[in-house]
């Protein structure tokens, strides 16, 4: 699967993360906040 634009890639990655963690984060708002926190942590590495 090829995704040309970075926004599409971000959505694809977040969708994969959400599928893995959907039991922990049942609501989309929590999922989005969690995704932003994960990105912030990765940026700090």
PDB file of N, CA and C in Angstrom:
ATOM      1  N   UNK A   1       0.847  -1.195   0.000  1.00  0.00           N
ATOM      2  CA  UNK A   1       0.000   0.000   0.000  1.00  0.00           C
ATOM      3  C   UNK A   1       0.882   1.244   0.000  1.00  0.00           C
ATOM      4  N   UNK A   2       0.670   2.110  -0.972  1.00  0.00           N
ATOM      5  CA  UNK A   2       1.446   3.336  -1.058  1.00  0.00           C
ATOM      6  C   UNK A   2       0.565   4.531  -0.722  1.00  0.00           C
ATOM      7  N   UNK A   3       1.088   5.390   0.142  1.00  0.00           N
ATOM      8  CA  UNK A   3       0.379   6.620   0.497  1.00  0.00           C
ATOM      9  C   UNK A   3       1.319   7.774   0.172  1.00  0.00           C
ATOM     10  N   UNK A   4       0.895   8.653  -0.734  1.00  0.00           N
ATOM     11  CA  UNK A   4       1.810   9.664  -1.250  1.00  0.00           C
ATOM     12  C   UNK A   4       1.970  10.862  -0.310  1.00  0.00           C
ATOM     13  N   UNK A   5       0.878  11.334   0.280  1.00  0.00           N
ATOM     14  CA  UNK A   5       0.983  12.539   1.103  1.00  0.00           C
ATOM     15  C   UNK A   5       1.194  12.186   2.575  1.00  0.00           C
ATOM     16  N   UNK A   6       1.897  13.057   3.289  1.00  0.00           N
ATOM     17  CA  UNK A   6       2.248  12.772   4.678  1.00  0.00           C
ATOM     18  C   UNK A   6       1.014  12.741   5.576  1.00  0.00           C
ATOM     19  N   UNK A   7      -0.005  13.550   5.268  1.00  0.00           N
ATOM     20  CA  UNK A   7      -1.220  13.518   6.079  1.00  0.00           C
ATOM     21  C   UNK A   7      -1.879  12.146   5.990  1.00  0.00           C
ATOM     22  N   UNK A   8      -1.947  11.594   4.806  1.00  0.00           N
ATOM     23  CA  UNK A   8      -2.497  10.255   4.642  1.00  0.00           C
ATOM     24  C   UNK A   8      -1.674   9.224   5.397  1.00  0.00           C
ATOM     25  N   UNK A   9      -0.359   9.365   5.370  1.00  0.00           N
ATOM     26  CA  UNK A   9       0.510   8.440   6.088  1.00  0.00           C
ATOM     27  C   UNK A   9       0.285   8.554   7.591  1.00  0.00           C
ATOM     28  N   UNK A  10       0.178   9.792   8.094  1.00  0.00           N
ATOM     29  CA  UNK A  10      -0.097   9.989   9.516  1.00  0.00           C
ATOM     30  C   UNK A  10      -1.398   9.315   9.908  1.00  0.00           C
ATOM     31  N   UNK A  11      -2.441   9.508   9.101  1.00  0.00           N
ATOM     32  CA  UNK A  11      -3.733   8.898   9.404  1.00  0.00           C
ATOM     33  C   UNK A  11      -3.632   7.382   9.373  1.00  0.00           C
ATOM     34  N   UNK A  12      -2.857   6.848   8.433  1.00  0.00           N
ATOM     35  CA  UNK A  12      -2.664   5.403   8.333  1.00  0.00           C
ATOM     36  C   UNK A  12      -1.962   4.868   9.582  1.00  0.00           C
ATOM     37  N   UNK A  13      -0.887   5.553  10.005  1.00  0.00           N
ATOM     38  CA  UNK A  13      -0.142   5.128  11.196  1.00  0.00           C
ATOM     39  C   UNK A  13      -1.028   5.216  12.428  1.00  0.00           C
ATOM     40  N   UNK A  14      -1.746   6.321  12.599  1.00  0.00           N
ATOM     41  CA  UNK A  14      -2.629   6.462  13.752  1.00  0.00           C
ATOM     42  C   UNK A  14      -3.723   5.408  13.744  1.00  0.00           C
ATOM     43  N   UNK A  15      -4.228   5.077  12.544  1.00  0.00           N
ATOM     44  CA  UNK A  15      -5.249   4.033  12.442  1.00  0.00           C
ATOM     45  C   UNK A  15      -4.688   2.699  12.906  1.00  0.00           C
ATOM     46  N   UNK A  16      -3.453   2.390  12.528  1.00  0.00           N
ATOM     47  CA  UNK A  16      -2.818   1.142  12.969  1.00  0.00           C
ATOM     48  C   UNK A  16      -2.638   1.139  14.487  1.00  0.00           C
ATOM     49  N   UNK A  17      -2.160   2.253  15.041  1.00  0.00           N
ATOM     50  CA  UNK A  17      -1.986   2.363  16.489  1.00  0.00           C
ATOM     51  C   UNK A  17      -3.328   2.174  17.188  1.00  0.00           C
ATOM     52  N   UNK A  18      -4.379   2.796  16.636  1.00  0.00           N
ATOM     53  CA  UNK A  18      -5.703   2.700  17.238  1.00  0.00           C
ATOM     54  C   UNK A  18      -6.200   1.263  17.244  1.00  0.00           C
ATOM     55  N   UNK A  19      -6.013   0.543  16.161  1.00  0.00           N
ATOM     56  CA  UNK A  19      -6.452  -0.851  16.106  1.00  0.00           C
ATOM     57  C   UNK A  19      -5.738  -1.691  17.166  1.00  0.00           C
ATOM     58  N   UNK A  20      -4.456  -1.415  17.386  1.00  0.00           N
ATOM     59  CA  UNK A  20      -3.691  -2.154  18.388  1.00  0.00           C
ATOM     60  C   UNK A  20      -4.190  -1.825  19.796  1.00  0.00           C
ATOM     61  N   UNK A  21      -4.574  -0.589  20.031  1.00  0.00           N
ATOM     62  CA  UNK A  21      -4.869  -0.126  21.387  1.00  0.00           C
ATOM     63  C   UNK A  21      -6.341   0.192  21.627  1.00  0.00           C
ATOM     64  N   UNK A  22      -7.235  -0.285  20.759  1.00  0.00           N
ATOM     65  CA  UNK A  22      -8.623   0.166  20.871  1.00  0.00           C
ATOM     66  C   UNK A  22      -9.297  -0.300  22.160  1.00  0.00           C
ATOM     67  N   UNK A  23      -8.809  -1.389  22.793  1.00  0.00           N
ATOM     68  CA  UNK A  23      -9.410  -1.779  24.071  1.00  0.00           C
ATOM     69  C   UNK A  23      -9.077  -0.755  25.153  1.00  0.00           C
ATOM     70  N   UNK A  24      -7.870  -0.194  25.080  1.00  0.00           N
ATOM     71  CA  UNK A  24      -7.432   0.759  26.090  1.00  0.00           C
ATOM     72  C   UNK A  24      -8.081   2.125  25.900  1.00  0.00           C
ATOM     73  N   UNK A  25      -8.311   2.487  24.631  1.00  0.00           N
ATOM     74  CA  UNK A  25      -8.804   3.830  24.328  1.00  0.00           C
ATOM     75  C   UNK A  25     -10.030   3.751  23.428  1.00  0.00           C
ATOM     76  N   UNK A  26     -11.199   3.525  24.008  1.00  0.00           N
ATOM     77  CA  UNK A  26     -12.394   3.312  23.204  1.00  0.00           C
ATOM     78  C   UNK A  26     -12.914   4.566  22.508  1.00  0.00           C
ATOM     79  N   UNK A  27     -12.542   5.763  22.980  1.00  0.00           N
ATOM     80  CA  UNK A  27     -13.088   6.991  22.394  1.00  0.00           C
ATOM     81  C   UNK A  27     -12.075   7.669  21.493  1.00  0.00           C
ATOM     82  N   UNK A  28     -12.545   8.200  20.379  1.00  0.00           N
ATOM     83  CA  UNK A  28     -11.659   8.810  19.388  1.00  0.00           C
ATOM     84  C   UNK A  28     -10.854   9.972  19.964  1.00  0.00           C
ATOM     85  N   UNK A  29     -11.465  10.779  20.835  1.00  0.00           N
ATOM     86  CA  UNK A  29     -10.749  11.907  21.428  1.00  0.00           C
ATOM     87  C   UNK A  29      -9.552  11.442  22.237  1.00  0.00           C
ATOM     88  N   UNK A  30      -9.752  10.407  23.040  1.00  0.00           N
ATOM     89  CA  UNK A  30      -8.649   9.866  23.832  1.00  0.00           C
ATOM     90  C   UNK A  30      -7.579   9.292  22.919  1.00  0.00           C
ATOM     91  N   UNK A  31      -8.020   8.613  21.863  1.00  0.00           N
ATOM     92  CA  UNK A  31      -7.063   8.037  20.907  1.00  0.00           C
ATOM     93  C   UNK A  31      -6.217   9.128  20.265  1.00  0.00           C
ATOM     94  N   UNK A  32      -6.842  10.235  19.890  1.00  0.00           N
ATOM     95  CA  UNK A  32      -6.098  11.317  19.249  1.00  0.00           C
ATOM     96  C   UNK A  32      -5.095  11.942  20.218  1.00  0.00           C
ATOM     97  N   UNK A  33      -5.537  12.199  21.471  1.00  0.00           N
ATOM     98  CA  UNK A  33      -4.630  12.764  22.467  1.00  0.00           C
ATOM     99  C   UNK A  33      -3.465  11.823  22.724  1.00  0.00           C
ATOM    100  N   UNK A  34      -3.753  10.505  22.811  1.00  0.00           N
ATOM    101  CA  UNK A  34      -2.704   9.514  23.037  1.00  0.00           C
ATOM    102  C   UNK A  34      -1.717   9.518  21.879  1.00  0.00           C
ATOM    103  N   UNK A  35      -2.218   9.619  20.658  1.00  0.00           N
ATOM    104  CA  UNK A  35      -1.349   9.665  19.485  1.00  0.00           C
ATOM    105  C   UNK A  35      -0.430  10.882  19.518  1.00  0.00           C
ATOM    106  N   UNK A  36      -0.968  12.026  19.928  1.00  0.00           N
ATOM    107  CA  UNK A  36      -0.150  13.225  20.014  1.00  0.00           C
ATOM    108  C   UNK A  36       0.927  13.073  21.084  1.00  0.00           C
ATOM    109  N   UNK A  37       0.581  12.445  22.214  1.00  0.00           N
ATOM    110  CA  UNK A  37       1.571  12.216  23.267  1.00  0.00           C
ATOM    111  C   UNK A  37       2.670  11.288  22.775  1.00  0.00           C
ATOM    112  N   UNK A  38       2.293  10.232  22.050  1.00  0.00           N
ATOM    113  CA  UNK A  38       3.294   9.311  21.513  1.00  0.00           C
ATOM    114  C   UNK A  38       4.224  10.039  20.549  1.00  0.00           C
ATOM    115  N   UNK A  39       3.679  10.899  19.706  1.00  0.00           N
ATOM    116  CA  UNK A  39       4.508  11.652  18.763  1.00  0.00           C
ATOM    117  C   UNK A  39       5.457  12.573  19.518  1.00  0.00           C
ATOM    118  N   UNK A  40       4.976  13.228  20.574  1.00  0.00           N
ATOM    119  CA  UNK A  40       5.828  14.115  21.364  1.00  0.00           C
ATOM    120  C   UNK A  40       6.972  13.328  22.006  1.00  0.00           C
ATOM    121  N   UNK A  41       6.664  12.143  22.529  1.00  0.00           N
ATOM    122  CA  UNK A  41       7.704  11.309  23.131  1.00  0.00           C
ATOM    123  C   UNK A  41       8.737  10.887  22.092  1.00  0.00           C
ATOM    124  N   UNK A  42       8.277  10.513  20.903  1.00  0.00           N
ATOM    125  CA  UNK A  42       9.208  10.112  19.848  1.00  0.00           C
ATOM    126  C   UNK A  42      10.080  11.288  19.411  1.00  0.00           C
ATOM    127  N   UNK A  43       9.504  12.489  19.380  1.00  0.00           N
ATOM    128  CA  UNK A  43      10.274  13.668  18.987  1.00  0.00           C
ATOM    129  C   UNK A  43      11.375  13.975  19.995  1.00  0.00           C
ATOM    130  N   UNK A  44      11.170  13.592  21.257  1.00  0.00           N
ATOM    131  CA  UNK A  44      12.165  13.872  22.294  1.00  0.00           C
ATOM    132  C   UNK A  44      13.352  12.916  22.237  1.00  0.00           C
ATOM    133  N   UNK A  45      13.190  11.771  21.590  1.00  0.00           N
ATOM    134  CA  UNK A  45      14.280  10.784  21.542  1.00  0.00           C
ATOM    135  C   UNK A  45      15.439  11.253  20.668  1.00  0.00           C
TER     136      UNK A  45
END
